[in-house]
Amino acid sequence: MSWWPFGKKKKSSRAPVSDPLLKDNRTMISELRDACEMNFDNPEEARRQIRRMQVEWNDASQNGLLSDINRGGLEARAFRLLTCNDKEWLEWLDNLDFWKPGWKPEVTDED
């Protein structure tokens, strides 16, 4: 019997994109999320990687490869992740809306 209903997943033939020119907003958000989720139990390591990504975003923005709107969204996410405590860290990681393109921080009135 060669039939088995629980076959192995085929590996993606798509290579990771390292050239910022070819990256879109979804790819950059995905890279940010991957870095955070791989280090969900070590937020400080993830924060170090986020700071490195911010430098890459800045360079891509200065070279015209990343729009100001997309950079703003990435920076808003990075700010939340860099300034939260460990409990909030896990909440941000679990918030599916936070990782969607077009996410905007909630505006609170403090008048």
Protein backbone atom coordinates (compact mmCIF):
# COMPACT_ATOMS: atom_id res chain seq x y z
CA MET A 1 0.00 0.00 0.00
CA SER A 2 1.64 3.18 -1.13
CA TRP A 3 -1.21 5.58 -0.43
CA TRP A 4 -0.84 7.64 2.73
CA PRO A 5 -3.27 10.51 3.48
CA PHE A 6 -0.82 12.41 5.64
CA GLY A 7 1.89 13.18 3.13
CA LYS A 8 4.82 15.44 3.74
CA LYS A 9 4.47 19.07 2.80
CA LYS A 10 6.36 20.05 -0.28
CA LYS A 11 9.08 22.58 0.36
CA SER A 12 8.60 25.94 -1.24
CA SER A 13 10.82 26.50 -4.23
CA ARG A 14 10.67 30.23 -3.61
CA ALA A 15 13.90 31.62 -2.23
CA PRO A 16 13.81 34.32 0.46
CA VAL A 17 14.02 37.82 -0.95
CA SER A 18 17.08 39.72 0.22
CA ASP A 19 17.04 42.60 -2.25
CA PRO A 20 14.95 45.50 -0.82
CA LEU A 21 13.99 46.49 -4.35
CA LEU A 22 12.06 43.26 -4.70
CA LYS A 23 10.46 43.32 -1.26
CA ASP A 24 6.95 44.57 -0.80
CA ASN A 25 5.25 45.71 2.39
CA ARG A 26 3.82 42.26 3.13
CA THR A 27 7.26 40.70 2.88
CA MET A 28 8.77 43.19 5.29
CA ILE A 29 5.92 42.74 7.77
CA SER A 30 6.34 38.98 7.43
CA GLU A 31 10.07 39.23 8.16
CA LEU A 32 9.36 41.36 11.22
CA ARG A 33 6.77 38.88 12.44
CA ASP A 34 9.05 35.90 11.82
CA ALA A 35 11.86 37.50 13.81
CA CYS A 36 9.48 38.16 16.69
CA GLU A 37 7.84 34.75 16.67
CA MET A 38 11.13 32.86 16.43
CA ASN A 39 12.17 34.71 19.59
CA PHE A 40 8.79 34.79 21.35
CA ASP A 41 10.46 33.53 24.52
CA ASN A 42 13.45 35.88 24.19
CA PRO A 43 12.06 39.38 23.53
CA GLU A 44 15.46 41.06 23.95
CA GLU A 45 16.95 39.10 21.04
CA ALA A 46 13.94 39.96 18.91
CA ARG A 47 14.29 43.63 19.86
CA ARG A 48 17.92 43.53 18.75
CA GLN A 49 16.81 42.15 15.38
CA ILE A 50 14.06 44.78 15.13
CA ARG A 51 16.64 47.56 15.63
CA ARG A 52 18.73 46.02 12.83
CA MET A 53 15.66 45.94 10.59
CA GLN A 54 14.97 49.61 11.35
CA VAL A 55 18.39 50.47 9.93
CA GLU A 56 17.57 48.48 6.78
CA TRP A 57 14.19 50.25 6.46
CA ASN A 58 15.89 53.62 6.86
CA ASP A 59 18.43 52.79 4.16
CA ALA A 60 15.73 51.50 1.81
CA SER A 61 13.67 54.63 2.43
CA GLN A 62 16.62 56.93 1.72
CA ASN A 63 17.31 55.03 -1.51
CA GLY A 64 13.68 55.39 -2.59
CA LEU A 65 13.00 51.67 -2.34
CA LEU A 66 10.51 51.95 0.51
CA SER A 67 7.66 54.45 0.58
CA ASP A 68 7.15 56.72 3.57
CA ILE A 69 3.72 55.19 4.20
CA ASN A 70 5.09 51.65 4.34
CA ARG A 71 8.02 52.71 6.47
CA GLY A 72 5.65 54.49 8.84
CA GLY A 73 3.63 51.30 9.29
CA LEU A 74 6.74 49.25 9.95
CA GLU A 75 8.08 51.84 12.38
CA ALA A 76 4.75 51.99 14.24
CA ARG A 77 4.86 48.23 14.74
CA ALA A 78 8.52 48.35 15.75
CA PHE A 79 7.81 51.11 18.28
CA ARG A 80 5.09 49.01 19.93
CA LEU A 81 7.33 45.96 20.06
CA LEU A 82 10.38 47.83 21.34
CA THR A 83 8.57 49.70 24.12
CA CYS A 84 6.23 47.04 25.49
CA ASN A 85 6.80 44.84 28.51
CA ASP A 86 7.04 41.06 28.24
CA LYS A 87 3.33 40.48 28.86
CA GLU A 88 2.35 43.03 26.20
CA TRP A 89 4.95 41.44 23.89
CA LEU A 90 2.97 38.21 23.73
CA GLU A 91 -0.28 40.13 23.26
CA TRP A 92 1.14 41.96 20.23
CA LEU A 93 2.40 38.70 18.76
CA ASP A 94 -1.05 37.13 19.10
CA ASN A 95 -2.91 40.15 17.66
CA LEU A 96 -3.62 39.13 14.06
CA ASP A 97 -4.77 42.62 13.05
CA PHE A 98 -1.40 44.04 14.16
CA TRP A 99 0.34 42.02 11.44
CA LYS A 100 -2.00 42.92 8.60
CA PRO A 101 -0.93 45.52 6.02
CA GLY A 102 -2.78 48.76 6.66
CA TRP A 103 -2.77 48.39 10.45
CA LYS A 104 -2.82 51.74 12.22
CA PRO A 105 -2.34 52.45 15.91
CA GLU A 106 -5.51 53.23 17.80
CA VAL A 107 -6.01 56.91 18.47
CA THR A 108 -6.93 57.69 22.05
CA ASP A 109 -8.37 60.99 23.21
CA GLU A 110 -6.72 62.18 26.39
CA ASP A 111 -8.55 65.52 26.61
